[in-house]
Amino acid sequence: MELFLPFLLLIFASFFQGTFGLGMKYMNPMSWESWWVVHVLVAMILFPMIWAIVAIPDLFEIISNSPNDAIYLAMLFGFLWGIGGIMFGVSVPYIGLSLTMGIVMGLAGSAGSLIPLFQIENATSQPSFPYIIAGLLISLIGVAITAKAGIERDKLLSSDNKSSNIVKGILIAVTCGLLSSLLNVGFANAAPIAEKAQEYGVIARNSSLAAWVVVLLGAFMMNFGYAIFLLIKNNSWNTFSLKNAKNAYKWSFIAGFCWFAALGVYGQGAALLGEIGPVIGWPILLGLSLIISNYWAYRAGEWKNASKPFNKLLLGLLVLIISAVVLGLGNSV
């Protein structure tokens, strides 16, 4: 039962993580930057603050009394993650969505787990170490198979054969994947803030919310600042007030809710797993969310008339499930 609740929370978090991207299909008629302003306000400020204040009445006092280095480091990693998110969109036109997703998910999952792992004292002598390394390697194989399936599907269904700068796109995607891992690194380094919350009597599961508020403040600065830059550059302010933008607003709120629900629930599950939580929980979150997102893609007909690539996708998803099991075993030894 000790492992049941945290892993159940990770499954719920993966559902939200794999689902939030559906909202991005409904941006029209708003511009990307106006939709993104609403989205990040909900996902990174409004919802995290409301949830954290409800669960932690002394939130701001706890943060103000937390170690300054933990606060600044958490915000910095959140800000750098924001740069990675922007680079994701830059990479897609060069190498396609499937290959970009494969590279980013693989690197974000492995680096986001390994960096916090090696910040733990005597990490390599921990009984869970071989399981973590094996689980990460299996996860990388699963992501690679899934990405290959997506590439084969794109080739099968696309009539556009124009060449692109593949090397440049891969380099951008690799940089994006490494930066994207820093959201979890920021969360792991914000542990002193969560510990301070526990000193105030906050239960371990909810203390993670205080850490996320700080990490996401840095992430918000980058995302919001970039969106405002585009609003000024493209002079697209008028898209906020378009008459038929109601549906876009609705989906920006839904996507924002799902995005932080994923992180908030993940943080609770990771907190219950103890010090090793961010190491094990992060690759499980990304691996299972990839399964969820591909399920929605299948429901939307994105794998129609691509039976061979779809069978390869199923193999990749099976490997990801195996990796989650191996990582879970790492917390039981």
C-alpha atoms as a PDB file:
ATOM      1  CA  MET A   1       0.000   0.000   0.000  1.00  0.00           C
ATOM      2  CA  GLU A   2       2.978   2.332   0.533  1.00  0.00           C
ATOM      3  CA  LEU A   3       3.655   2.353  -3.214  1.00  0.00           C
ATOM      4  CA  PHE A   4       0.037   2.150  -4.353  1.00  0.00           C
ATOM      5  CA  LEU A   5      -0.968   5.781  -3.656  1.00  0.00           C
ATOM      6  CA  PRO A   6       2.134   7.497  -5.107  1.00  0.00           C
ATOM      7  CA  PHE A   7       1.990   5.410  -8.282  1.00  0.00           C
ATOM      8  CA  LEU A   8      -1.750   5.970  -8.592  1.00  0.00           C
ATOM      9  CA  LEU A   9      -1.044   9.707  -8.372  1.00  0.00           C
ATOM     10  CA  LEU A  10       1.632   9.375 -11.071  1.00  0.00           C
ATOM     11  CA  ILE A  11      -0.892   7.649 -13.345  1.00  0.00           C
ATOM     12  CA  PHE A  12      -3.411  10.458 -12.804  1.00  0.00           C
ATOM     13  CA  ALA A  13      -0.667  13.026 -13.431  1.00  0.00           C
ATOM     14  CA  SER A  14       0.263  11.257 -16.679  1.00  0.00           C
ATOM     15  CA  PHE A  15      -3.347  11.425 -17.822  1.00  0.00           C
ATOM     16  CA  PHE A  16      -3.396  15.204 -17.344  1.00  0.00           C
ATOM     17  CA  GLN A  17       0.046  15.598 -18.950  1.00  0.00           C
ATOM     18  CA  GLY A  18      -0.957  13.559 -21.990  1.00  0.00           C
ATOM     19  CA  THR A  19      -4.277  15.393 -22.321  1.00  0.00           C
ATOM     20  CA  PHE A  20      -3.457  19.090 -21.952  1.00  0.00           C
ATOM     21  CA  GLY A  21      -2.106  19.331 -25.502  1.00  0.00           C
ATOM     22  CA  LEU A  22      -5.615  18.750 -26.889  1.00  0.00           C
ATOM     23  CA  GLY A  23      -6.401  22.367 -26.057  1.00  0.00           C
ATOM     24  CA  MET A  24      -3.768  23.565 -28.503  1.00  0.00           C
ATOM     25  CA  LYS A  25      -5.895  22.243 -31.358  1.00  0.00           C
ATOM     26  CA  TYR A  26      -8.465  24.943 -30.585  1.00  0.00           C
ATOM     27  CA  MET A  27      -6.486  28.184 -30.676  1.00  0.00           C
ATOM     28  CA  ASN A  28      -8.316  29.716 -33.636  1.00  0.00           C
ATOM     29  CA  PRO A  29      -9.246  32.491 -34.128  1.00  0.00           C
ATOM     30  CA  MET A  30      -6.812  33.762 -31.490  1.00  0.00           C
ATOM     31  CA  SER A  31      -3.147  34.130 -32.379  1.00  0.00           C
ATOM     32  CA  TRP A  32      -0.732  31.706 -30.745  1.00  0.00           C
ATOM     33  CA  GLU A  33       0.718  34.430 -28.540  1.00  0.00           C
ATOM     34  CA  SER A  34      -2.633  35.743 -27.259  1.00  0.00           C
ATOM     35  CA  TRP A  35      -3.848  32.193 -26.519  1.00  0.00           C
ATOM     36  CA  TRP A  36      -0.528  31.459 -24.802  1.00  0.00           C
ATOM     37  CA  VAL A  37      -0.790  34.522 -22.536  1.00  0.00           C
ATOM     38  CA  VAL A  38      -4.113  33.237 -21.193  1.00  0.00           C
ATOM     39  CA  HIS A  39      -2.827  29.678 -20.973  1.00  0.00           C
ATOM     40  CA  VAL A  40       0.331  30.444 -18.954  1.00  0.00           C
ATOM     41  CA  LEU A  41      -1.549  32.808 -16.625  1.00  0.00           C
ATOM     42  CA  VAL A  42      -3.904  29.935 -15.774  1.00  0.00           C
ATOM     43  CA  ALA A  43      -1.316  27.127 -15.822  1.00  0.00           C
ATOM     44  CA  MET A  44       1.618  28.804 -14.076  1.00  0.00           C
ATOM     45  CA  ILE A  45       0.094  31.491 -11.836  1.00  0.00           C
ATOM     46  CA  LEU A  46      -3.659  31.296 -11.225  1.00  0.00           C
ATOM     47  CA  PHE A  47      -4.241  27.566 -10.685  1.00  0.00           C
ATOM     48  CA  PRO A  48      -0.961  26.838  -8.822  1.00  0.00           C
ATOM     49  CA  MET A  49      -1.553  29.813  -6.492  1.00  0.00           C
ATOM     50  CA  ILE A  50      -5.164  28.882  -5.734  1.00  0.00           C
ATOM     51  CA  TRP A  51      -4.347  25.230  -5.058  1.00  0.00           C
ATOM     52  CA  ALA A  52      -1.283  26.088  -2.976  1.00  0.00           C
ATOM     53  CA  ILE A  53      -3.034  28.761  -0.879  1.00  0.00           C
ATOM     54  CA  VAL A  54      -5.953  26.428  -0.162  1.00  0.00           C
ATOM     55  CA  ALA A  55      -3.598  23.618   0.903  1.00  0.00           C
ATOM     56  CA  ILE A  56      -0.961  25.876   2.519  1.00  0.00           C
ATOM     57  CA  PRO A  57      -2.501  28.960   4.220  1.00  0.00           C
ATOM     58  CA  ASP A  58       0.986  30.251   5.217  1.00  0.00           C
ATOM     59  CA  LEU A  59       2.344  29.884   1.671  1.00  0.00           C
ATOM     60  CA  PHE A  60       3.959  33.307   1.282  1.00  0.00           C
ATOM     61  CA  GLU A  61       5.453  33.261   4.783  1.00  0.00           C
ATOM     62  CA  ILE A  62       6.923  29.815   4.078  1.00  0.00           C
ATOM     63  CA  ILE A  63       8.480  30.977   0.808  1.00  0.00           C
ATOM     64  CA  SER A  64       9.888  34.155   2.376  1.00  0.00           C
ATOM     65  CA  ASN A  65      11.514  32.081   5.123  1.00  0.00           C
ATOM     66  CA  SER A  66      12.947  29.473   2.745  1.00  0.00           C
ATOM     67  CA  PRO A  67      16.673  29.493   1.792  1.00  0.00           C
ATOM     68  CA  ASN A  68      17.347  32.156  -0.833  1.00  0.00           C
ATOM     69  CA  ASP A  69      19.604  29.889  -2.882  1.00  0.00           C
ATOM     70  CA  ALA A  70      16.817  27.297  -3.201  1.00  0.00           C
ATOM     71  CA  ILE A  71      14.373  29.988  -4.346  1.00  0.00           C
ATOM     72  CA  TYR A  72      16.706  31.512  -6.934  1.00  0.00           C
ATOM     73  CA  LEU A  73      17.873  28.138  -8.238  1.00  0.00           C
ATOM     74  CA  ALA A  74      14.308  26.862  -8.584  1.00  0.00           C
ATOM     75  CA  MET A  75      13.256  29.996 -10.473  1.00  0.00           C
ATOM     76  CA  LEU A  76      16.333  29.826 -12.707  1.00  0.00           C
ATOM     77  CA  PHE A  77      15.667  26.227 -13.714  1.00  0.00           C
ATOM     78  CA  GLY A  78      12.023  27.106 -14.385  1.00  0.00           C
ATOM     79  CA  PHE A  79      13.113  30.025 -16.598  1.00  0.00           C
ATOM     80  CA  LEU A  80      15.559  27.836 -18.552  1.00  0.00           C
ATOM     81  CA  TRP A  81      12.834  25.210 -19.035  1.00  0.00           C
ATOM     82  CA  GLY A  82      10.745  27.971 -20.628  1.00  0.00           C
ATOM     83  CA  ILE A  83      13.459  28.527 -23.233  1.00  0.00           C
ATOM     84  CA  GLY A  84      13.350  24.805 -24.024  1.00  0.00           C
ATOM     85  CA  GLY A  85       9.600  24.968 -24.590  1.00  0.00           C
ATOM     86  CA  ILE A  86      10.029  27.742 -27.149  1.00  0.00           C
ATOM     87  CA  MET A  87      12.781  25.810 -28.955  1.00  0.00           C
ATOM     88  CA  PHE A  88      10.397  22.856 -29.312  1.00  0.00           C
ATOM     89  CA  GLY A  89       8.245  24.870 -31.697  1.00  0.00           C
ATOM     90  CA  VAL A  90      11.342  25.953 -33.642  1.00  0.00           C
ATOM     91  CA  SER A  91      12.522  22.366 -34.127  1.00  0.00           C
ATOM     92  CA  VAL A  92       9.262  20.906 -35.475  1.00  0.00           C
ATOM     93  CA  PRO A  93       9.372  22.593 -38.941  1.00  0.00           C
ATOM     94  CA  TYR A  94      12.849  21.153 -39.510  1.00  0.00           C
ATOM     95  CA  ILE A  95      12.413  17.502 -38.489  1.00  0.00           C
ATOM     96  CA  GLY A  96       8.685  17.013 -37.852  1.00  0.00           C
ATOM     97  CA  LEU A  97       6.630  16.570 -34.706  1.00  0.00           C
ATOM     98  CA  SER A  98       7.254  12.852 -34.162  1.00  0.00           C
ATOM     99  CA  LEU A  99      11.072  13.009 -34.268  1.00  0.00           C
ATOM    100  CA  THR A 100      11.082  16.195 -32.182  1.00  0.00           C
ATOM    101  CA  MET A 101       8.844  14.544 -29.585  1.00  0.00           C
ATOM    102  CA  GLY A 102      11.068  11.464 -29.514  1.00  0.00           C
ATOM    103  CA  ILE A 103      14.279  13.420 -28.960  1.00  0.00           C
ATOM    104  CA  VAL A 104      12.767  15.849 -26.454  1.00  0.00           C
ATOM    105  CA  MET A 105      10.879  13.231 -24.421  1.00  0.00           C
ATOM    106  CA  GLY A 106      13.891  10.911 -24.342  1.00  0.00           C
ATOM    107  CA  LEU A 107      16.369  13.562 -23.208  1.00  0.00           C
ATOM    108  CA  ALA A 108      13.954  15.366 -20.898  1.00  0.00           C
ATOM    109  CA  GLY A 109      13.053  12.092 -19.182  1.00  0.00           C
ATOM    110  CA  SER A 110      16.606  10.803 -18.786  1.00  0.00           C
ATOM    111  CA  ALA A 111      18.389  14.076 -17.950  1.00  0.00           C
ATOM    112  CA  GLY A 112      15.513  15.185 -15.718  1.00  0.00           C
ATOM    113  CA  SER A 113      15.972  11.985 -13.727  1.00  0.00           C
ATOM    114  CA  LEU A 114      19.761  11.625 -13.759  1.00  0.00           C
ATOM    115  CA  ILE A 115      20.610  15.175 -12.650  1.00  0.00           C
ATOM    116  CA  PRO A 116      18.565  14.940  -9.408  1.00  0.00           C
ATOM    117  CA  LEU A 117      19.870  11.376  -8.940  1.00  0.00           C
ATOM    118  CA  PHE A 118      23.518  12.435  -8.904  1.00  0.00           C
ATOM    119  CA  GLN A 119      22.696  15.317  -6.563  1.00  0.00           C
ATOM    120  CA  ILE A 120      21.840  12.670  -3.946  1.00  0.00           C
ATOM    121  CA  GLU A 121      24.761  11.743  -1.713  1.00  0.00           C
ATOM    122  CA  ASN A 122      26.297   8.341  -2.576  1.00  0.00           C
ATOM    123  CA  ALA A 123      23.790   7.929  -5.410  1.00  0.00           C
ATOM    124  CA  THR A 124      25.648   5.078  -7.123  1.00  0.00           C
ATOM    125  CA  SER A 125      25.727   2.995  -3.946  1.00  0.00           C
ATOM    126  CA  GLN A 126      21.957   3.162  -3.484  1.00  0.00           C
ATOM    127  CA  PRO A 127      20.190  -0.235  -3.905  1.00  0.00           C
ATOM    128  CA  SER A 128      17.795   1.407  -6.372  1.00  0.00           C
ATOM    129  CA  PHE A 129      20.593   2.679  -8.664  1.00  0.00           C
ATOM    130  CA  PRO A 130      20.733  -0.335 -11.059  1.00  0.00           C
ATOM    131  CA  TYR A 131      16.932  -0.305 -11.399  1.00  0.00           C
ATOM    132  CA  ILE A 132      16.901   3.422 -12.183  1.00  0.00           C
ATOM    133  CA  ILE A 133      19.584   3.129 -14.851  1.00  0.00           C
ATOM    134  CA  ALA A 134      17.912   0.048 -16.378  1.00  0.00           C
ATOM    135  CA  GLY A 135      14.508   1.753 -16.294  1.00  0.00           C
ATOM    136  CA  LEU A 136      15.872   4.868 -17.986  1.00  0.00           C
ATOM    137  CA  LEU A 137      17.594   2.844 -20.714  1.00  0.00           C
ATOM    138  CA  ILE A 138      14.392   0.887 -21.369  1.00  0.00           C
ATOM    139  CA  SER A 139      12.458   4.166 -21.407  1.00  0.00           C
ATOM    140  CA  LEU A 140      14.832   5.612 -24.028  1.00  0.00           C
ATOM    141  CA  ILE A 141      14.323   2.518 -26.187  1.00  0.00           C
ATOM    142  CA  GLY A 142      10.543   2.887 -25.854  1.00  0.00           C
ATOM    143  CA  VAL A 143      10.635   6.566 -26.798  1.00  0.00           C
ATOM    144  CA  ALA A 144      12.911   5.776 -29.776  1.00  0.00           C
ATOM    145  CA  ILE A 145      10.520   3.082 -31.062  1.00  0.00           C
ATOM    146  CA  THR A 146       7.556   5.416 -30.593  1.00  0.00           C
ATOM    147  CA  ALA A 147       9.339   8.224 -32.453  1.00  0.00           C
ATOM    148  CA  LYS A 148      10.284   5.842 -35.295  1.00  0.00           C
ATOM    149  CA  ALA A 149       6.632   4.816 -35.587  1.00  0.00           C
ATOM    150  CA  GLY A 150       5.632   8.465 -35.836  1.00  0.00           C
ATOM    151  CA  ILE A 151       8.230   9.165 -38.502  1.00  0.00           C
ATOM    152  CA  GLU A 152       7.072   6.191 -40.582  1.00  0.00           C
ATOM    153  CA  ARG A 153       3.449   7.315 -40.220  1.00  0.00           C
ATOM    154  CA  ASP A 154       4.360  10.845 -41.353  1.00  0.00           C
ATOM    155  CA  LYS A 155       6.216   9.501 -44.397  1.00  0.00           C
ATOM    156  CA  LEU A 156       3.300   7.230 -45.266  1.00  0.00           C
ATOM    157  CA  LEU A 157       0.610   9.888 -44.982  1.00  0.00           C
ATOM    158  CA  SER A 158       2.453  12.994 -46.128  1.00  0.00           C
ATOM    159  CA  SER A 159       2.740  13.999 -49.768  1.00  0.00           C
ATOM    160  CA  ASP A 160       5.241  16.759 -48.938  1.00  0.00           C
ATOM    161  CA  ASN A 161       8.721  15.470 -49.704  1.00  0.00           C
ATOM    162  CA  LYS A 162      10.643  18.746 -49.605  1.00  0.00           C
ATOM    163  CA  SER A 163      14.009  18.566 -47.851  1.00  0.00           C
ATOM    164  CA  SER A 164      14.771  20.309 -44.578  1.00  0.00           C
ATOM    165  CA  ASN A 165      17.836  21.102 -42.522  1.00  0.00           C
ATOM    166  CA  ILE A 166      17.789  17.897 -40.487  1.00  0.00           C
ATOM    167  CA  VAL A 167      21.081  18.478 -38.637  1.00  0.00           C
ATOM    168  CA  LYS A 168      20.000  21.933 -37.511  1.00  0.00           C
ATOM    169  CA  GLY A 169      16.616  20.611 -36.406  1.00  0.00           C
ATOM    170  CA  ILE A 170      18.156  17.744 -34.428  1.00  0.00           C
ATOM    171  CA  LEU A 171      20.596  20.091 -32.675  1.00  0.00           C
ATOM    172  CA  ILE A 172      17.720  22.380 -31.681  1.00  0.00           C
ATOM    173  CA  ALA A 173      15.660  19.400 -30.482  1.00  0.00           C
ATOM    174  CA  VAL A 174      18.587  18.068 -28.404  1.00  0.00           C
ATOM    175  CA  THR A 175      19.035  21.480 -26.772  1.00  0.00           C
ATOM    176  CA  CYS A 176      15.288  21.637 -26.189  1.00  0.00           C
ATOM    177  CA  GLY A 177      15.276  18.194 -24.559  1.00  0.00           C
ATOM    178  CA  LEU A 178      18.090  19.076 -22.172  1.00  0.00           C
ATOM    179  CA  LEU A 179      16.469  22.382 -21.206  1.00  0.00           C
ATOM    180  CA  SER A 180      13.067  20.705 -20.845  1.00  0.00           C
ATOM    181  CA  SER A 181      14.516  18.381 -18.221  1.00  0.00           C
ATOM    182  CA  LEU A 182      15.214  21.371 -15.989  1.00  0.00           C
ATOM    183  CA  LEU A 183      11.594  21.694 -14.877  1.00  0.00           C
ATOM    184  CA  ASN A 184      12.052  18.551 -12.811  1.00  0.00           C
ATOM    185  CA  VAL A 185      15.568  19.592 -11.780  1.00  0.00           C
ATOM    186  CA  GLY A 186      14.089  22.849 -10.500  1.00  0.00           C
ATOM    187  CA  PHE A 187      11.459  20.908  -8.573  1.00  0.00           C
ATOM    188  CA  ALA A 188      14.113  18.664  -7.022  1.00  0.00           C
ATOM    189  CA  ASN A 189      16.238  21.674  -6.047  1.00  0.00           C
ATOM    190  CA  ALA A 190      13.202  23.365  -4.513  1.00  0.00           C
ATOM    191  CA  ALA A 191      13.073  20.589  -1.880  1.00  0.00           C
ATOM    192  CA  PRO A 192      14.185  22.994   0.920  1.00  0.00           C
ATOM    193  CA  ILE A 193      11.030  25.036   0.261  1.00  0.00           C
ATOM    194  CA  ALA A 194       8.868  21.926   0.632  1.00  0.00           C
ATOM    195  CA  GLU A 195      10.790  21.001   3.773  1.00  0.00           C
ATOM    196  CA  LYS A 196      10.131  24.461   5.197  1.00  0.00           C
ATOM    197  CA  ALA A 197       6.414  23.935   4.499  1.00  0.00           C
ATOM    198  CA  GLN A 198       6.545  20.688   6.486  1.00  0.00           C
ATOM    199  CA  GLU A 199       8.100  22.586   9.388  1.00  0.00           C
ATOM    200  CA  TYR A 200       4.927  24.682   9.373  1.00  0.00           C
ATOM    201  CA  GLY A 201       2.853  21.514   9.713  1.00  0.00           C
ATOM    202  CA  VAL A 202       2.001  20.986   6.037  1.00  0.00           C
ATOM    203  CA  ILE A 203       1.716  17.304   5.109  1.00  0.00           C
ATOM    204  CA  ALA A 204       4.455  15.986   2.786  1.00  0.00           C
ATOM    205  CA  ARG A 205       2.062  15.443  -0.107  1.00  0.00           C
ATOM    206  CA  ASN A 206       0.948  19.102  -0.142  1.00  0.00           C
ATOM    207  CA  SER A 207       4.344  20.607   0.633  1.00  0.00           C
ATOM    208  CA  SER A 208       5.372  20.043  -2.995  1.00  0.00           C
ATOM    209  CA  LEU A 209       2.883  22.736  -4.043  1.00  0.00           C
ATOM    210  CA  ALA A 210       5.014  25.414  -2.378  1.00  0.00           C
ATOM    211  CA  ALA A 211       8.000  24.226  -4.432  1.00  0.00           C
ATOM    212  CA  TRP A 212       6.016  24.372  -7.679  1.00  0.00           C
ATOM    213  CA  VAL A 213       4.842  27.946  -7.045  1.00  0.00           C
ATOM    214  CA  VAL A 214       8.471  29.097  -6.977  1.00  0.00           C
ATOM    215  CA  VAL A 215       9.659  27.003  -9.946  1.00  0.00           C
ATOM    216  CA  LEU A 216       6.730  28.103 -12.096  1.00  0.00           C
ATOM    217  CA  LEU A 217       7.264  31.773 -11.324  1.00  0.00           C
ATOM    218  CA  GLY A 218      10.533  31.524 -13.260  1.00  0.00           C
ATOM    219  CA  ALA A 219       8.835  29.506 -16.007  1.00  0.00           C
ATOM    220  CA  PHE A 220       6.062  32.098 -16.236  1.00  0.00           C
ATOM    221  CA  MET A 221       8.512  34.974 -16.643  1.00  0.00           C
ATOM    222  CA  MET A 222      10.019  33.339 -19.723  1.00  0.00           C
ATOM    223  CA  ASN A 223       6.769  32.179 -21.339  1.00  0.00           C
ATOM    224  CA  PHE A 224       4.784  35.322 -20.621  1.00  0.00           C
ATOM    225  CA  GLY A 225       7.654  37.583 -21.680  1.00  0.00           C
ATOM    226  CA  TYR A 226       8.059  35.769 -25.000  1.00  0.00           C
ATOM    227  CA  ALA A 227       4.313  35.891 -25.711  1.00  0.00           C
ATOM    228  CA  ILE A 228       4.218  39.633 -24.979  1.00  0.00           C
ATOM    229  CA  PHE A 229       7.209  40.105 -27.296  1.00  0.00           C
ATOM    230  CA  LEU A 230       5.291  38.367 -30.101  1.00  0.00           C
ATOM    231  CA  LEU A 231       2.146  40.398 -29.393  1.00  0.00           C
ATOM    232  CA  ILE A 232       4.170  43.575 -29.846  1.00  0.00           C
ATOM    233  CA  LYS A 233       6.097  42.266 -32.845  1.00  0.00           C
ATOM    234  CA  ASN A 234       3.015  40.942 -34.684  1.00  0.00           C
ATOM    235  CA  ASN A 235       0.631  43.619 -33.394  1.00  0.00           C
ATOM    236  CA  SER A 236      -1.903  40.868 -32.652  1.00  0.00           C
ATOM    237  CA  TRP A 237      -3.551  42.407 -29.571  1.00  0.00           C
ATOM    238  CA  ASN A 238      -6.895  42.532 -31.361  1.00  0.00           C
ATOM    239  CA  THR A 239      -7.221  38.733 -31.278  1.00  0.00           C
ATOM    240  CA  PHE A 240      -8.049  38.946 -27.564  1.00  0.00           C
ATOM    241  CA  SER A 241     -11.370  40.624 -28.402  1.00  0.00           C
ATOM    242  CA  LEU A 242     -12.542  38.687 -31.447  1.00  0.00           C
ATOM    243  CA  LYS A 243     -16.247  37.861 -31.213  1.00  0.00           C
ATOM    244  CA  ASN A 244     -15.823  34.137 -31.920  1.00  0.00           C
ATOM    245  CA  ALA A 245     -12.846  33.625 -29.590  1.00  0.00           C
ATOM    246  CA  LYS A 246     -14.967  32.215 -26.751  1.00  0.00           C
ATOM    247  CA  ASN A 247     -14.093  28.607 -27.607  1.00  0.00           C
ATOM    248  CA  ALA A 248     -10.380  29.407 -27.737  1.00  0.00           C
ATOM    249  CA  TYR A 249     -10.566  31.016 -24.282  1.00  0.00           C
ATOM    250  CA  LYS A 250     -12.364  27.954 -22.944  1.00  0.00           C
ATOM    251  CA  TRP A 251      -9.702  25.582 -24.222  1.00  0.00           C
ATOM    252  CA  SER A 252      -6.852  27.775 -22.974  1.00  0.00           C
ATOM    253  CA  PHE A 253      -8.358  27.443 -19.474  1.00  0.00           C
ATOM    254  CA  ILE A 254      -8.881  23.682 -19.842  1.00  0.00           C
ATOM    255  CA  ALA A 255      -5.341  23.181 -21.134  1.00  0.00           C
ATOM    256  CA  GLY A 256      -3.954  25.355 -18.335  1.00  0.00           C
ATOM    257  CA  PHE A 257      -5.865  23.381 -15.725  1.00  0.00           C
ATOM    258  CA  CYS A 258      -4.662  20.038 -17.109  1.00  0.00           C
ATOM    259  CA  TRP A 259      -1.069  21.245 -17.445  1.00  0.00           C
ATOM    260  CA  PHE A 260      -0.644  22.195 -13.804  1.00  0.00           C
ATOM    261  CA  ALA A 261      -2.878  19.366 -12.590  1.00  0.00           C
ATOM    262  CA  ALA A 262      -0.235  17.074 -14.104  1.00  0.00           C
ATOM    263  CA  LEU A 263       2.616  18.781 -12.247  1.00  0.00           C
ATOM    264  CA  GLY A 264       0.687  19.239  -9.009  1.00  0.00           C
ATOM    265  CA  VAL A 265      -0.421  15.612  -8.801  1.00  0.00           C
ATOM    266  CA  TYR A 266       3.021  14.429  -9.941  1.00  0.00           C
ATOM    267  CA  GLY A 267       4.602  16.506  -7.164  1.00  0.00           C
ATOM    268  CA  GLN A 268       2.355  14.860  -4.594  1.00  0.00           C
ATOM    269  CA  GLY A 269       3.246  11.376  -5.829  1.00  0.00           C
ATOM    270  CA  ALA A 270       6.962  12.209  -5.959  1.00  0.00           C
ATOM    271  CA  ALA A 271       6.829  13.630  -2.423  1.00  0.00           C
ATOM    272  CA  LEU A 272       5.354  10.382  -1.106  1.00  0.00           C
ATOM    273  CA  LEU A 273       8.209   8.433  -2.722  1.00  0.00           C
ATOM    274  CA  GLY A 274      10.736  10.400  -0.665  1.00  0.00           C
ATOM    275  CA  GLU A 275      14.118  11.720  -1.803  1.00  0.00           C
ATOM    276  CA  ILE A 276      14.182   9.392  -4.795  1.00  0.00           C
ATOM    277  CA  GLY A 277      10.716  10.575  -5.918  1.00  0.00           C
ATOM    278  CA  PRO A 278      11.772  13.107  -8.606  1.00  0.00           C
ATOM    279  CA  VAL A 279      14.290  10.576  -9.955  1.00  0.00           C
ATOM    280  CA  ILE A 280      11.775   7.764 -10.420  1.00  0.00           C
ATOM    281  CA  GLY A 281       8.569   9.745 -10.886  1.00  0.00           C
ATOM    282  CA  TRP A 282       9.696  12.047 -13.721  1.00  0.00           C
ATOM    283  CA  PRO A 283      10.479   9.399 -16.393  1.00  0.00           C
ATOM    284  CA  ILE A 284       7.323   7.511 -15.386  1.00  0.00           C
ATOM    285  CA  LEU A 285       5.293  10.706 -15.846  1.00  0.00           C
ATOM    286  CA  LEU A 286       6.731  11.425 -19.298  1.00  0.00           C
ATOM    287  CA  GLY A 287       6.572   7.807 -20.465  1.00  0.00           C
ATOM    288  CA  LEU A 288       2.948   7.236 -19.435  1.00  0.00           C
ATOM    289  CA  SER A 289       1.884  10.667 -20.724  1.00  0.00           C
ATOM    290  CA  LEU A 290       3.304   9.691 -24.131  1.00  0.00           C
ATOM    291  CA  ILE A 291       0.956   6.692 -24.052  1.00  0.00           C
ATOM    292  CA  ILE A 292      -2.021   8.926 -23.189  1.00  0.00           C
ATOM    293  CA  SER A 293      -1.226  11.497 -25.872  1.00  0.00           C
ATOM    294  CA  ASN A 294      -0.935   8.790 -28.517  1.00  0.00           C
ATOM    295  CA  TYR A 295      -4.261   7.358 -27.379  1.00  0.00           C
ATOM    296  CA  TRP A 296      -5.887  10.746 -28.067  1.00  0.00           C
ATOM    297  CA  ALA A 297      -4.060  10.913 -31.403  1.00  0.00           C
ATOM    298  CA  TYR A 298      -5.464   7.488 -32.291  1.00  0.00           C
ATOM    299  CA  ARG A 299      -8.981   8.609 -31.325  1.00  0.00           C
ATOM    300  CA  ALA A 300      -8.546  11.657 -33.546  1.00  0.00           C
ATOM    301  CA  GLY A 301      -7.720   9.418 -36.531  1.00  0.00           C
ATOM    302  CA  GLU A 302      -4.048  10.397 -36.766  1.00  0.00           C
ATOM    303  CA  TRP A 303      -3.017   6.727 -37.187  1.00  0.00           C
ATOM    304  CA  LYS A 304      -5.688   5.865 -39.748  1.00  0.00           C
ATOM    305  CA  ASN A 305      -4.341   3.998 -42.825  1.00  0.00           C
ATOM    306  CA  ALA A 306      -0.983   3.480 -41.093  1.00  0.00           C
ATOM    307  CA  SER A 307      -1.316  -0.011 -39.643  1.00  0.00           C
ATOM    308  CA  LYS A 308       2.386  -1.007 -39.728  1.00  0.00           C
ATOM    309  CA  PRO A 309       3.605   2.176 -37.981  1.00  0.00           C
ATOM    310  CA  PHE A 310       0.736   1.800 -35.501  1.00  0.00           C
ATOM    311  CA  ASN A 311       1.867  -1.729 -34.590  1.00  0.00           C
ATOM    312  CA  LYS A 312       5.360  -0.336 -34.019  1.00  0.00           C
ATOM    313  CA  LEU A 313       3.812   2.370 -31.829  1.00  0.00           C
ATOM    314  CA  LEU A 314       2.116  -0.290 -29.701  1.00  0.00           C
ATOM    315  CA  LEU A 315       5.479  -2.021 -29.245  1.00  0.00           C
ATOM    316  CA  GLY A 316       7.046   1.266 -28.137  1.00  0.00           C
ATOM    317  CA  LEU A 317       4.243   1.908 -25.660  1.00  0.00           C
ATOM    318  CA  LEU A 318       4.626  -1.609 -24.248  1.00  0.00           C
ATOM    319  CA  VAL A 319       8.339  -0.948 -23.695  1.00  0.00           C
ATOM    320  CA  LEU A 320       7.456   2.305 -21.889  1.00  0.00           C
ATOM    321  CA  ILE A 321       5.124   0.393 -19.568  1.00  0.00           C
ATOM    322  CA  ILE A 322       7.939  -2.083 -18.820  1.00  0.00           C
ATOM    323  CA  SER A 323      10.272   0.826 -18.015  1.00  0.00           C
ATOM    324  CA  ALA A 324       7.697   2.229 -15.571  1.00  0.00           C
ATOM    325  CA  VAL A 325       7.526  -1.164 -13.839  1.00  0.00           C
ATOM    326  CA  VAL A 326      11.328  -1.383 -13.567  1.00  0.00           C
ATOM    327  CA  LEU A 327      11.544   2.160 -12.172  1.00  0.00           C
ATOM    328  CA  GLY A 328       8.805   1.289  -9.699  1.00  0.00           C
ATOM    329  CA  LEU A 329      10.787  -1.707  -8.523  1.00  0.00           C
ATOM    330  CA  GLY A 330      13.682   0.663  -7.859  1.00  0.00           C
ATOM    331  CA  ASN A 331      11.694   2.252  -5.068  1.00  0.00           C
ATOM    332  CA  SER A 332      10.858  -1.104  -3.446  1.00  0.00           C
ATOM    333  CA  VAL A 333      14.398  -2.383  -2.880  1.00  0.00           C
END
